[in-house]
């Protein structure tokens, strides 16, 4: 059984102890469910009521909650509570699954495939001709790796991921189950006999340290490449269309979608169920609120809200407008009454 003292936790997270530094815990949990031998956290003063009723023995708290703890608990004050608690979770996390190097007997691997040292290829996986797989990469059970695909070193490709022909995958990437990389972009034009498919001849390029959630799709480019740059993090069930470019360290949250040829700068955040129109640009650091629809380009640092999305200033001005109209209407009624009195006096 793993156990750790408050003193060791404080050293791990560079926090300040308030209370007993010798207190021992053996696990982590939420404030609601934690027991006296577990550590929990609260990062915002508005959740103080949960802290008051929690049984957690050690609590990581923000500076606003650095008062003397009650009920013989120990507080550890941290500047960034979420980040600090993540470090504590890792102390108690189970050992990661270890994948033995080698090719499972049921896997189908073309003889022209180049396989690096320490690679694991799981049961029923298919790796097509001229593919390249870098050192220590894991190809999970049931994956499909298309012809001429290149995958870098130290990638973790979970079961049932599909990477279609000629796509380029960098190093230290994680793709969760059901991810599809390099399916055709959605391209059709009207013809004399109905819709005609436009050939999708490009690729997908994914740089290093990218993580993509379950059942997310990244379409290949019509020509050139769909490009996801380094350190991008994508949630489950996200749709990235053809020729999209996503800048470094951007975050795409569940069920958002980006239409073709849109370009996102560095550090962009798309909240859940938001959408971005095609052929527009979002500057560095743009934030798009959940369910918002962005229909025009936004400058660096903009925060977009609503559908069609608008800046915070525009949104607040529009929301305030009905109240202003009410006040103006009331004032007009007062003026009308005053005018009627003046006319009556005459």
C-alpha atoms as a PDB file:
ATOM      1  CA  UNK A   1       0.000   0.000   0.000  1.00  0.00           C
ATOM      2  CA  UNK A   2       1.355   3.404  -0.975  1.00  0.00           C
ATOM      3  CA  UNK A   3       1.408   6.110   1.664  1.00  0.00           C
ATOM      4  CA  UNK A   4       2.835   9.604   1.907  1.00  0.00           C
ATOM      5  CA  UNK A   5       3.090  12.302   4.561  1.00  0.00           C
ATOM      6  CA  UNK A   6       1.890  15.875   4.351  1.00  0.00           C
ATOM      7  CA  UNK A   7       5.514  16.993   4.511  1.00  0.00           C
ATOM      8  CA  UNK A   8       6.410  14.924   1.428  1.00  0.00           C
ATOM      9  CA  UNK A   9       3.342  16.179  -0.442  1.00  0.00           C
ATOM     10  CA  UNK A  10       4.288  19.773   0.340  1.00  0.00           C
ATOM     11  CA  UNK A  11       7.781  19.168  -1.009  1.00  0.00           C
ATOM     12  CA  UNK A  12       6.359  17.516  -4.129  1.00  0.00           C
ATOM     13  CA  UNK A  13       4.026  20.416  -4.973  1.00  0.00           C
ATOM     14  CA  UNK A  14       6.136  23.246  -3.525  1.00  0.00           C
ATOM     15  CA  UNK A  15       3.334  24.090  -1.112  1.00  0.00           C
ATOM     16  CA  UNK A  16       3.095  25.499   2.421  1.00  0.00           C
ATOM     17  CA  UNK A  17       1.812  23.302   5.256  1.00  0.00           C
ATOM     18  CA  UNK A  18      -0.842  24.577   7.644  1.00  0.00           C
ATOM     19  CA  UNK A  19      -1.393  21.925  10.307  1.00  0.00           C
ATOM     20  CA  UNK A  20       0.300  18.620  11.081  1.00  0.00           C
ATOM     21  CA  UNK A  21       3.187  17.864   8.660  1.00  0.00           C
ATOM     22  CA  UNK A  22       3.396  14.237   9.818  1.00  0.00           C
ATOM     23  CA  UNK A  23      -0.126  13.295   8.794  1.00  0.00           C
ATOM     24  CA  UNK A  24      -0.190  10.220   6.523  1.00  0.00           C
ATOM     25  CA  UNK A  25      -2.569   9.494   3.647  1.00  0.00           C
ATOM     26  CA  UNK A  26      -2.931   6.396   1.476  1.00  0.00           C
ATOM     27  CA  UNK A  27      -4.992   7.661  -1.457  1.00  0.00           C
ATOM     28  CA  UNK A  28      -6.778  10.515  -3.218  1.00  0.00           C
ATOM     29  CA  UNK A  29     -10.465  11.340  -3.631  1.00  0.00           C
ATOM     30  CA  UNK A  30     -12.983  14.152  -4.132  1.00  0.00           C
ATOM     31  CA  UNK A  31     -13.863  16.425  -1.217  1.00  0.00           C
ATOM     32  CA  UNK A  32     -17.272  14.793  -0.967  1.00  0.00           C
ATOM     33  CA  UNK A  33     -16.032  11.212  -0.859  1.00  0.00           C
ATOM     34  CA  UNK A  34     -12.606  11.504   0.797  1.00  0.00           C
ATOM     35  CA  UNK A  35     -11.918   9.746   4.103  1.00  0.00           C
ATOM     36  CA  UNK A  36      -9.526  10.759   6.882  1.00  0.00           C
ATOM     37  CA  UNK A  37      -6.673   8.806   5.267  1.00  0.00           C
ATOM     38  CA  UNK A  38      -7.045  10.449   1.846  1.00  0.00           C
ATOM     39  CA  UNK A  39      -5.940  13.709   0.258  1.00  0.00           C
ATOM     40  CA  UNK A  40      -8.261  15.997  -1.714  1.00  0.00           C
ATOM     41  CA  UNK A  41      -8.223  19.551  -3.073  1.00  0.00           C
ATOM     42  CA  UNK A  42     -10.226  22.756  -3.433  1.00  0.00           C
ATOM     43  CA  UNK A  43      -9.040  25.438  -5.825  1.00  0.00           C
ATOM     44  CA  UNK A  44     -11.744  28.082  -5.440  1.00  0.00           C
ATOM     45  CA  UNK A  45     -13.187  29.800  -2.395  1.00  0.00           C
ATOM     46  CA  UNK A  46     -16.738  29.353  -3.697  1.00  0.00           C
ATOM     47  CA  UNK A  47     -16.416  25.640  -2.816  1.00  0.00           C
ATOM     48  CA  UNK A  48     -15.553  26.337   0.811  1.00  0.00           C
ATOM     49  CA  UNK A  49     -18.868  24.864   1.956  1.00  0.00           C
ATOM     50  CA  UNK A  50     -17.700  21.488   0.608  1.00  0.00           C
ATOM     51  CA  UNK A  51     -14.436  21.887   2.479  1.00  0.00           C
ATOM     52  CA  UNK A  52     -16.282  22.498   5.741  1.00  0.00           C
ATOM     53  CA  UNK A  53     -18.083  19.151   5.508  1.00  0.00           C
ATOM     54  CA  UNK A  54     -15.303  17.054   3.975  1.00  0.00           C
ATOM     55  CA  UNK A  55     -13.545  14.329   5.976  1.00  0.00           C
ATOM     56  CA  UNK A  56     -10.323  14.485   3.923  1.00  0.00           C
ATOM     57  CA  UNK A  57      -7.219  14.262   6.119  1.00  0.00           C
ATOM     58  CA  UNK A  58      -5.087  16.468   3.869  1.00  0.00           C
ATOM     59  CA  UNK A  59      -6.468  19.130   1.539  1.00  0.00           C
ATOM     60  CA  UNK A  60      -4.606  21.101  -1.099  1.00  0.00           C
ATOM     61  CA  UNK A  61      -6.075  24.611  -0.996  1.00  0.00           C
ATOM     62  CA  UNK A  62      -5.681  27.934  -2.799  1.00  0.00           C
ATOM     63  CA  UNK A  63      -4.208  30.898  -0.884  1.00  0.00           C
ATOM     64  CA  UNK A  64      -7.714  32.288  -0.228  1.00  0.00           C
ATOM     65  CA  UNK A  65      -8.424  29.273   1.989  1.00  0.00           C
ATOM     66  CA  UNK A  66      -5.182  29.248   3.970  1.00  0.00           C
ATOM     67  CA  UNK A  67      -6.865  29.627   7.393  1.00  0.00           C
ATOM     68  CA  UNK A  68      -6.170  27.207  10.227  1.00  0.00           C
ATOM     69  CA  UNK A  69      -7.866  23.885   9.326  1.00  0.00           C
ATOM     70  CA  UNK A  70     -10.617  22.389  11.441  1.00  0.00           C
ATOM     71  CA  UNK A  71     -11.157  18.809  12.600  1.00  0.00           C
ATOM     72  CA  UNK A  72      -7.454  17.972  12.889  1.00  0.00           C
ATOM     73  CA  UNK A  73      -6.923  18.244   9.140  1.00  0.00           C
ATOM     74  CA  UNK A  74      -3.833  19.485   7.358  1.00  0.00           C
ATOM     75  CA  UNK A  75      -3.901  22.074   4.587  1.00  0.00           C
ATOM     76  CA  UNK A  76      -1.245  22.466   1.926  1.00  0.00           C
ATOM     77  CA  UNK A  77      -1.447  25.902   0.319  1.00  0.00           C
ATOM     78  CA  UNK A  78      -0.618  25.931  -3.420  1.00  0.00           C
ATOM     79  CA  UNK A  79      -0.618  28.641  -6.059  1.00  0.00           C
ATOM     80  CA  UNK A  80      -1.934  26.255  -8.731  1.00  0.00           C
ATOM     81  CA  UNK A  81      -4.070  23.688  -6.954  1.00  0.00           C
ATOM     82  CA  UNK A  82      -5.193  21.717 -10.041  1.00  0.00           C
ATOM     83  CA  UNK A  83      -1.634  21.242 -11.247  1.00  0.00           C
ATOM     84  CA  UNK A  84      -0.411  20.346  -7.758  1.00  0.00           C
ATOM     85  CA  UNK A  85      -3.152  17.771  -7.224  1.00  0.00           C
ATOM     86  CA  UNK A  86      -2.279  16.157 -10.548  1.00  0.00           C
ATOM     87  CA  UNK A  87       1.199  15.512  -9.162  1.00  0.00           C
ATOM     88  CA  UNK A  88      -0.291  13.925  -6.039  1.00  0.00           C
ATOM     89  CA  UNK A  89      -2.570  11.693  -8.111  1.00  0.00           C
ATOM     90  CA  UNK A  90       0.482  10.317  -9.897  1.00  0.00           C
ATOM     91  CA  UNK A  91       1.888   9.129  -6.564  1.00  0.00           C
ATOM     92  CA  UNK A  92      -1.069   6.770  -6.158  1.00  0.00           C
ATOM     93  CA  UNK A  93      -1.734   5.993  -9.819  1.00  0.00           C
ATOM     94  CA  UNK A  94      -1.440   2.347 -10.868  1.00  0.00           C
ATOM     95  CA  UNK A  95       1.572   1.371 -12.903  1.00  0.00           C
ATOM     96  CA  UNK A  96       1.026   2.006 -16.622  1.00  0.00           C
ATOM     97  CA  UNK A  97       0.361  -1.002 -18.830  1.00  0.00           C
ATOM     98  CA  UNK A  98       3.596  -2.382 -20.218  1.00  0.00           C
ATOM     99  CA  UNK A  99       3.580  -3.579 -23.826  1.00  0.00           C
ATOM    100  CA  UNK A 100       6.112  -6.242 -24.663  1.00  0.00           C
ATOM    101  CA  UNK A 101       8.100  -5.575 -27.853  1.00  0.00           C
ATOM    102  CA  UNK A 102       7.155  -7.750 -30.793  1.00  0.00           C
ATOM    103  CA  UNK A 103       4.452  -8.495 -33.340  1.00  0.00           C
ATOM    104  CA  UNK A 104       1.409 -10.526 -32.288  1.00  0.00           C
ATOM    105  CA  UNK A 105       0.936 -13.705 -34.369  1.00  0.00           C
ATOM    106  CA  UNK A 106      -2.494 -12.550 -35.560  1.00  0.00           C
ATOM    107  CA  UNK A 107      -1.241  -9.162 -36.803  1.00  0.00           C
ATOM    108  CA  UNK A 108      -0.810  -8.674 -40.555  1.00  0.00           C
ATOM    109  CA  UNK A 109       2.360  -6.719 -41.312  1.00  0.00           C
ATOM    110  CA  UNK A 110       3.596  -6.230 -44.874  1.00  0.00           C
ATOM    111  CA  UNK A 111       7.215  -7.373 -45.318  1.00  0.00           C
ATOM    112  CA  UNK A 112       8.225  -3.907 -46.565  1.00  0.00           C
ATOM    113  CA  UNK A 113       7.297  -2.244 -43.258  1.00  0.00           C
ATOM    114  CA  UNK A 114      10.193  -0.723 -41.307  1.00  0.00           C
ATOM    115  CA  UNK A 115       9.815  -1.437 -37.600  1.00  0.00           C
ATOM    116  CA  UNK A 116      12.029   0.293 -35.019  1.00  0.00           C
ATOM    117  CA  UNK A 117      13.467  -1.146 -31.824  1.00  0.00           C
ATOM    118  CA  UNK A 118      11.054  -1.968 -28.995  1.00  0.00           C
ATOM    119  CA  UNK A 119       7.889  -1.655 -31.113  1.00  0.00           C
ATOM    120  CA  UNK A 120       4.721  -3.478 -30.031  1.00  0.00           C
ATOM    121  CA  UNK A 121       2.121  -4.451 -32.655  1.00  0.00           C
ATOM    122  CA  UNK A 122      -1.006  -5.930 -31.104  1.00  0.00           C
ATOM    123  CA  UNK A 123      -3.478  -8.629 -32.051  1.00  0.00           C
ATOM    124  CA  UNK A 124      -5.293  -8.282 -35.401  1.00  0.00           C
ATOM    125  CA  UNK A 125      -3.519  -5.047 -36.274  1.00  0.00           C
ATOM    126  CA  UNK A 126      -2.830  -4.411 -39.978  1.00  0.00           C
ATOM    127  CA  UNK A 127       0.227  -2.493 -41.188  1.00  0.00           C
ATOM    128  CA  UNK A 128       0.355  -1.897 -44.921  1.00  0.00           C
ATOM    129  CA  UNK A 129       3.270  -1.668 -47.357  1.00  0.00           C
ATOM    130  CA  UNK A 130       6.135   0.810 -46.895  1.00  0.00           C
ATOM    131  CA  UNK A 131       4.884   2.044 -43.524  1.00  0.00           C
ATOM    132  CA  UNK A 132       7.507   3.151 -40.988  1.00  0.00           C
ATOM    133  CA  UNK A 133       7.094   2.754 -37.211  1.00  0.00           C
ATOM    134  CA  UNK A 134       9.625   4.438 -34.907  1.00  0.00           C
ATOM    135  CA  UNK A 135      11.333   3.039 -31.816  1.00  0.00           C
ATOM    136  CA  UNK A 136       9.230   2.085 -28.770  1.00  0.00           C
ATOM    137  CA  UNK A 137       5.906   2.913 -30.408  1.00  0.00           C
ATOM    138  CA  UNK A 138       2.838   0.847 -29.456  1.00  0.00           C
ATOM    139  CA  UNK A 139       0.309  -0.135 -32.127  1.00  0.00           C
ATOM    140  CA  UNK A 140      -2.733  -1.474 -30.262  1.00  0.00           C
ATOM    141  CA  UNK A 141      -4.978  -4.382 -31.139  1.00  0.00           C
ATOM    142  CA  UNK A 142      -7.143  -3.930 -34.214  1.00  0.00           C
ATOM    143  CA  UNK A 143      -5.368  -0.836 -35.534  1.00  0.00           C
ATOM    144  CA  UNK A 144      -5.039  -0.120 -39.240  1.00  0.00           C
ATOM    145  CA  UNK A 145      -1.884   1.617 -40.477  1.00  0.00           C
ATOM    146  CA  UNK A 146      -2.132   2.441 -44.180  1.00  0.00           C
ATOM    147  CA  UNK A 147       0.481   2.347 -46.937  1.00  0.00           C
ATOM    148  CA  UNK A 148       3.417   4.753 -46.643  1.00  0.00           C
ATOM    149  CA  UNK A 149       2.351   6.000 -43.222  1.00  0.00           C
ATOM    150  CA  UNK A 150       5.191   7.202 -41.013  1.00  0.00           C
ATOM    151  CA  UNK A 151       4.872   7.090 -37.229  1.00  0.00           C
ATOM    152  CA  UNK A 152       7.614   8.467 -34.987  1.00  0.00           C
ATOM    153  CA  UNK A 153       9.118   7.172 -31.753  1.00  0.00           C
ATOM    154  CA  UNK A 154       7.429   6.607 -28.387  1.00  0.00           C
ATOM    155  CA  UNK A 155       3.860   6.923 -29.663  1.00  0.00           C
ATOM    156  CA  UNK A 156       0.942   5.162 -27.974  1.00  0.00           C
ATOM    157  CA  UNK A 157      -1.703   4.179 -30.524  1.00  0.00           C
ATOM    158  CA  UNK A 158      -4.578   2.605 -28.613  1.00  0.00           C
ATOM    159  CA  UNK A 159      -6.759  -0.196 -30.076  1.00  0.00           C
ATOM    160  CA  UNK A 160      -8.902   0.340 -33.169  1.00  0.00           C
ATOM    161  CA  UNK A 161      -7.208   3.496 -34.404  1.00  0.00           C
ATOM    162  CA  UNK A 162      -7.101   4.045 -38.181  1.00  0.00           C
ATOM    163  CA  UNK A 163      -4.318   5.997 -39.873  1.00  0.00           C
ATOM    164  CA  UNK A 164      -4.840   6.151 -43.618  1.00  0.00           C
ATOM    165  CA  UNK A 165      -2.278   6.194 -46.421  1.00  0.00           C
ATOM    166  CA  UNK A 166       0.697   8.569 -46.484  1.00  0.00           C
ATOM    167  CA  UNK A 167      -0.060  10.417 -43.270  1.00  0.00           C
ATOM    168  CA  UNK A 168       2.866  11.612 -41.132  1.00  0.00           C
ATOM    169  CA  UNK A 169       2.778  11.178 -37.354  1.00  0.00           C
ATOM    170  CA  UNK A 170       5.516  12.661 -35.153  1.00  0.00           C
ATOM    171  CA  UNK A 171       6.970  11.535 -31.825  1.00  0.00           C
ATOM    172  CA  UNK A 172       5.394  10.952 -28.394  1.00  0.00           C
ATOM    173  CA  UNK A 173       1.811  11.177 -29.613  1.00  0.00           C
ATOM    174  CA  UNK A 174      -1.187   9.478 -27.966  1.00  0.00           C
ATOM    175  CA  UNK A 175      -4.243   8.463 -30.015  1.00  0.00           C
ATOM    176  CA  UNK A 176      -7.185   7.011 -28.075  1.00  0.00           C
ATOM    177  CA  UNK A 177      -9.506   4.258 -29.349  1.00  0.00           C
ATOM    178  CA  UNK A 178     -11.551   4.990 -32.446  1.00  0.00           C
ATOM    179  CA  UNK A 179      -9.440   7.878 -33.746  1.00  0.00           C
ATOM    180  CA  UNK A 180      -9.443   8.154 -37.551  1.00  0.00           C
ATOM    181  CA  UNK A 181      -6.601  10.044 -39.200  1.00  0.00           C
ATOM    182  CA  UNK A 182      -6.636  10.729 -42.932  1.00  0.00           C
ATOM    183  CA  UNK A 183     -10.147   9.831 -44.073  1.00  0.00           C
ATOM    184  CA  UNK A 184     -11.198  11.823 -47.127  1.00  0.00           C
ATOM    185  CA  UNK A 185     -12.212  15.425 -46.662  1.00  0.00           C
ATOM    186  CA  UNK A 186     -15.873  16.208 -47.366  1.00  0.00           C
ATOM    187  CA  UNK A 187     -15.575  17.557 -50.897  1.00  0.00           C
ATOM    188  CA  UNK A 188     -18.308  17.464 -53.559  1.00  0.00           C
ATOM    189  CA  UNK A 189     -19.324  19.756 -56.412  1.00  0.00           C
ATOM    190  CA  UNK A 190     -22.584  19.843 -58.414  1.00  0.00           C
ATOM    191  CA  UNK A 191     -22.415  18.084 -61.769  1.00  0.00           C
ATOM    192  CA  UNK A 192     -24.909  17.363 -64.570  1.00  0.00           C
ATOM    193  CA  UNK A 193     -25.844  14.083 -62.912  1.00  0.00           C
ATOM    194  CA  UNK A 194     -25.732  15.209 -59.293  1.00  0.00           C
ATOM    195  CA  UNK A 195     -22.911  15.645 -56.826  1.00  0.00           C
ATOM    196  CA  UNK A 196     -19.397  14.729 -57.959  1.00  0.00           C
ATOM    197  CA  UNK A 197     -16.678  13.774 -55.492  1.00  0.00           C
ATOM    198  CA  UNK A 198     -13.628  16.054 -55.401  1.00  0.00           C
ATOM    199  CA  UNK A 199     -10.410  14.014 -55.065  1.00  0.00           C
ATOM    200  CA  UNK A 200      -8.733  14.421 -51.678  1.00  0.00           C
ATOM    201  CA  UNK A 201      -5.072  14.013 -52.602  1.00  0.00           C
ATOM    202  CA  UNK A 202      -3.307  15.529 -49.576  1.00  0.00           C
ATOM    203  CA  UNK A 203      -2.258  14.114 -46.224  1.00  0.00           C
ATOM    204  CA  UNK A 204      -2.511  14.704 -42.480  1.00  0.00           C
ATOM    205  CA  UNK A 205       0.606  15.792 -40.628  1.00  0.00           C
ATOM    206  CA  UNK A 206       0.637  15.586 -36.842  1.00  0.00           C
ATOM    207  CA  UNK A 207       3.711  16.918 -35.064  1.00  0.00           C
ATOM    208  CA  UNK A 208       5.048  15.911 -31.618  1.00  0.00           C
ATOM    209  CA  UNK A 209       3.363  15.570 -28.195  1.00  0.00           C
ATOM    210  CA  UNK A 210      -0.182  15.624 -29.550  1.00  0.00           C
ATOM    211  CA  UNK A 211      -2.979  13.774 -27.735  1.00  0.00           C
ATOM    212  CA  UNK A 212      -6.231  12.972 -29.547  1.00  0.00           C
ATOM    213  CA  UNK A 213      -9.341  11.665 -27.761  1.00  0.00           C
ATOM    214  CA  UNK A 214     -11.586   8.746 -28.608  1.00  0.00           C
ATOM    215  CA  UNK A 215     -13.615   8.805 -31.852  1.00  0.00           C
ATOM    216  CA  UNK A 216     -12.107  12.072 -33.065  1.00  0.00           C
ATOM    217  CA  UNK A 217     -11.582  12.429 -36.836  1.00  0.00           C
ATOM    218  CA  UNK A 218      -8.944  14.398 -38.720  1.00  0.00           C
ATOM    219  CA  UNK A 219      -9.567  14.518 -42.477  1.00  0.00           C
ATOM    220  CA  UNK A 220      -6.839  14.487 -45.099  1.00  0.00           C
ATOM    221  CA  UNK A 221      -6.317  17.618 -47.169  1.00  0.00           C
ATOM    222  CA  UNK A 222      -7.794  18.198 -50.589  1.00  0.00           C
ATOM    223  CA  UNK A 223      -4.196  19.017 -51.526  1.00  0.00           C
ATOM    224  CA  UNK A 224      -1.198  19.801 -49.335  1.00  0.00           C
ATOM    225  CA  UNK A 225      -1.817  18.861 -45.706  1.00  0.00           C
ATOM    226  CA  UNK A 226      -4.126  19.093 -42.748  1.00  0.00           C
ATOM    227  CA  UNK A 227      -1.689  20.079 -40.026  1.00  0.00           C
ATOM    228  CA  UNK A 228      -1.862  19.648 -36.249  1.00  0.00           C
ATOM    229  CA  UNK A 229       1.177  21.245 -34.672  1.00  0.00           C
ATOM    230  CA  UNK A 230       3.071  20.222 -31.531  1.00  0.00           C
ATOM    231  CA  UNK A 231       1.511  19.910 -28.067  1.00  0.00           C
ATOM    232  CA  UNK A 232      -2.097  20.223 -29.260  1.00  0.00           C
ATOM    233  CA  UNK A 233      -4.627  18.437 -27.024  1.00  0.00           C
ATOM    234  CA  UNK A 234      -7.910  17.261 -28.573  1.00  0.00           C
ATOM    235  CA  UNK A 235     -10.834  15.804 -26.641  1.00  0.00           C
ATOM    236  CA  UNK A 236     -13.250  13.041 -27.674  1.00  0.00           C
ATOM    237  CA  UNK A 237     -15.578  13.290 -30.700  1.00  0.00           C
ATOM    238  CA  UNK A 238     -13.966  16.338 -32.301  1.00  0.00           C
ATOM    239  CA  UNK A 239     -14.085  16.887 -36.085  1.00  0.00           C
ATOM    240  CA  UNK A 240     -11.135  18.506 -37.906  1.00  0.00           C
ATOM    241  CA  UNK A 241     -11.853  19.018 -41.616  1.00  0.00           C
ATOM    242  CA  UNK A 242      -9.534  19.040 -44.618  1.00  0.00           C
ATOM    243  CA  UNK A 243      -6.695  21.573 -44.856  1.00  0.00           C
ATOM    244  CA  UNK A 244      -7.254  22.867 -41.319  1.00  0.00           C
ATOM    245  CA  UNK A 245      -4.161  24.116 -39.465  1.00  0.00           C
ATOM    246  CA  UNK A 246      -4.107  24.007 -35.660  1.00  0.00           C
ATOM    247  CA  UNK A 247      -1.366  25.977 -33.898  1.00  0.00           C
ATOM    248  CA  UNK A 248       0.880  24.761 -31.100  1.00  0.00           C
ATOM    249  CA  UNK A 249      -0.566  24.094 -27.630  1.00  0.00           C
ATOM    250  CA  UNK A 250      -4.178  24.626 -28.697  1.00  0.00           C
ATOM    251  CA  UNK A 251      -7.046  22.846 -26.909  1.00  0.00           C
ATOM    252  CA  UNK A 252     -10.122  21.440 -28.668  1.00  0.00           C
ATOM    253  CA  UNK A 253     -12.841  20.292 -26.273  1.00  0.00           C
ATOM    254  CA  UNK A 254     -15.479  17.608 -26.853  1.00  0.00           C
ATOM    255  CA  UNK A 255     -17.732  17.724 -29.914  1.00  0.00           C
ATOM    256  CA  UNK A 256     -16.343  20.940 -31.364  1.00  0.00           C
ATOM    257  CA  UNK A 257     -15.805  21.102 -35.124  1.00  0.00           C
ATOM    258  CA  UNK A 258     -13.590  23.029 -37.525  1.00  0.00           C
ATOM    259  CA  UNK A 259     -14.585  23.443 -41.170  1.00  0.00           C
ATOM    260  CA  UNK A 260     -12.201  23.160 -44.083  1.00  0.00           C
ATOM    261  CA  UNK A 261      -9.171  25.445 -44.501  1.00  0.00           C
ATOM    262  CA  UNK A 262      -9.680  27.278 -41.206  1.00  0.00           C
ATOM    263  CA  UNK A 263      -6.462  28.209 -39.437  1.00  0.00           C
ATOM    264  CA  UNK A 264      -6.051  28.376 -35.657  1.00  0.00           C
ATOM    265  CA  UNK A 265      -3.093  30.167 -34.092  1.00  0.00           C
ATOM    266  CA  UNK A 266      -1.036  29.130 -31.110  1.00  0.00           C
ATOM    267  CA  UNK A 267      -2.840  28.473 -27.809  1.00  0.00           C
ATOM    268  CA  UNK A 268      -6.392  28.672 -29.157  1.00  0.00           C
ATOM    269  CA  UNK A 269      -9.153  27.151 -27.000  1.00  0.00           C
ATOM    270  CA  UNK A 270     -12.382  25.836 -28.519  1.00  0.00           C
ATOM    271  CA  UNK A 271     -14.855  24.904 -25.785  1.00  0.00           C
ATOM    272  CA  UNK A 272     -17.337  22.038 -26.041  1.00  0.00           C
ATOM    273  CA  UNK A 273     -19.704  21.963 -29.054  1.00  0.00           C
ATOM    274  CA  UNK A 274     -18.298  25.146 -30.547  1.00  0.00           C
ATOM    275  CA  UNK A 275     -17.842  25.459 -34.296  1.00  0.00           C
ATOM    276  CA  UNK A 276     -15.467  27.331 -36.602  1.00  0.00           C
ATOM    277  CA  UNK A 277     -16.415  28.313 -40.145  1.00  0.00           C
ATOM    278  CA  UNK A 278     -14.194  27.380 -43.066  1.00  0.00           C
ATOM    279  CA  UNK A 279     -11.521  29.631 -44.584  1.00  0.00           C
ATOM    280  CA  UNK A 280     -11.218  31.924 -41.551  1.00  0.00           C
ATOM    281  CA  UNK A 281      -8.353  32.583 -39.138  1.00  0.00           C
ATOM    282  CA  UNK A 282      -8.345  32.633 -35.337  1.00  0.00           C
ATOM    283  CA  UNK A 283      -5.335  34.482 -33.940  1.00  0.00           C
ATOM    284  CA  UNK A 284      -3.062  33.298 -31.142  1.00  0.00           C
ATOM    285  CA  UNK A 285      -4.797  32.802 -27.813  1.00  0.00           C
ATOM    286  CA  UNK A 286      -8.372  33.130 -29.080  1.00  0.00           C
ATOM    287  CA  UNK A 287     -10.971  31.554 -26.767  1.00  0.00           C
ATOM    288  CA  UNK A 288     -14.337  30.378 -28.074  1.00  0.00           C
ATOM    289  CA  UNK A 289     -17.095  29.706 -25.526  1.00  0.00           C
ATOM    290  CA  UNK A 290     -19.077  26.465 -25.505  1.00  0.00           C
ATOM    291  CA  UNK A 291     -21.714  26.031 -28.268  1.00  0.00           C
ATOM    292  CA  UNK A 292     -20.546  29.238 -29.968  1.00  0.00           C
ATOM    293  CA  UNK A 293     -20.316  29.442 -33.750  1.00  0.00           C
ATOM    294  CA  UNK A 294     -17.469  31.508 -35.191  1.00  0.00           C
ATOM    295  CA  UNK A 295     -18.276  32.812 -38.679  1.00  0.00           C
ATOM    296  CA  UNK A 296     -15.558  35.421 -39.199  1.00  0.00           C
ATOM    297  CA  UNK A 297     -11.848  35.744 -38.451  1.00  0.00           C
ATOM    298  CA  UNK A 298     -10.841  36.870 -34.950  1.00  0.00           C
ATOM    299  CA  UNK A 299      -7.697  38.727 -33.861  1.00  0.00           C
ATOM    300  CA  UNK A 300      -5.205  37.394 -31.335  1.00  0.00           C
ATOM    301  CA  UNK A 301      -6.531  37.273 -27.772  1.00  0.00           C
ATOM    302  CA  UNK A 302     -10.217  37.662 -28.670  1.00  0.00           C
ATOM    303  CA  UNK A 303     -12.897  35.892 -26.610  1.00  0.00           C
ATOM    304  CA  UNK A 304     -15.897  34.838 -28.693  1.00  0.00           C
ATOM    305  CA  UNK A 305     -19.375  34.112 -27.319  1.00  0.00           C
ATOM    306  CA  UNK A 306     -22.692  33.124 -28.895  1.00  0.00           C
ATOM    307  CA  UNK A 307     -23.943  32.210 -32.363  1.00  0.00           C
ATOM    308  CA  UNK A 308     -22.844  33.835 -34.533  1.00  0.00           C
ATOM    309  CA  UNK A 309     -19.906  34.356 -32.192  1.00  0.00           C
ATOM    310  CA  UNK A 310     -19.011  37.884 -31.143  1.00  0.00           C
ATOM    311  CA  UNK A 311     -16.517  39.451 -28.767  1.00  0.00           C
ATOM    312  CA  UNK A 312     -17.269  39.749 -25.070  1.00  0.00           C
ATOM    313  CA  UNK A 313     -17.753  43.517 -25.442  1.00  0.00           C
ATOM    314  CA  UNK A 314     -20.244  43.040 -28.286  1.00  0.00           C
ATOM    315  CA  UNK A 315     -22.050  40.277 -26.396  1.00  0.00           C
ATOM    316  CA  UNK A 316     -22.415  42.338 -23.200  1.00  0.00           C
ATOM    317  CA  UNK A 317     -23.560  45.395 -25.155  1.00  0.00           C
ATOM    318  CA  UNK A 318     -26.237  43.351 -26.927  1.00  0.00           C
ATOM    319  CA  UNK A 319     -27.369  41.703 -23.693  1.00  0.00           C
ATOM    320  CA  UNK A 320     -27.662  45.114 -22.041  1.00  0.00           C
ATOM    321  CA  UNK A 321     -29.680  46.582 -24.913  1.00  0.00           C
ATOM    322  CA  UNK A 322     -33.162  45.314 -23.835  1.00  0.00           C
ATOM    323  CA  UNK A 323     -32.705  46.870 -20.398  1.00  0.00           C
ATOM    324  CA  UNK A 324     -31.671  50.151 -21.984  1.00  0.00           C
ATOM    325  CA  UNK A 325     -34.745  50.027 -24.213  1.00  0.00           C
ATOM    326  CA  UNK A 326     -36.959  49.456 -21.160  1.00  0.00           C
ATOM    327  CA  UNK A 327     -35.476  52.515 -19.466  1.00  0.00           C
ATOM    328  CA  UNK A 328     -35.900  54.625 -22.600  1.00  0.00           C
ATOM    329  CA  UNK A 329     -39.510  53.463 -22.960  1.00  0.00           C
ATOM    330  CA  UNK A 330     -40.251  54.385 -19.346  1.00  0.00           C
ATOM    331  CA  UNK A 331     -38.634  57.774 -19.855  1.00  0.00           C
ATOM    332  CA  UNK A 332     -40.713  58.375 -23.000  1.00  0.00           C
ATOM    333  CA  UNK A 333     -43.874  57.587 -21.057  1.00  0.00           C
ATOM    334  CA  UNK A 334     -42.863  60.140 -18.394  1.00  0.00           C
ATOM    335  CA  UNK A 335     -42.226  62.769 -21.052  1.00  0.00           C
ATOM    336  CA  UNK A 336     -45.564  62.031 -22.725  1.00  0.00           C
ATOM    337  CA  UNK A 337     -47.339  62.455 -19.405  1.00  0.00           C
ATOM    338  CA  UNK A 338     -45.550  65.742 -18.745  1.00  0.00           C
ATOM    339  CA  UNK A 339     -46.432  66.986 -22.255  1.00  0.00           C
ATOM    340  CA  UNK A 340     -50.080  66.042 -21.719  1.00  0.00           C
ATOM    341  CA  UNK A 341     -50.132  68.042 -18.462  1.00  0.00           C
ATOM    342  CA  UNK A 342     -48.656  71.094 -20.190  1.00  0.00           C
ATOM    343  CA  UNK A 343     -51.218  70.891 -22.972  1.00  0.00           C
ATOM    344  CA  UNK A 344     -54.034  70.526 -20.410  1.00  0.00           C
ATOM    345  CA  UNK A 345     -52.869  73.693 -18.559  1.00  0.00           C
ATOM    346  CA  UNK A 346     -53.171  75.678 -21.789  1.00  0.00           C
END
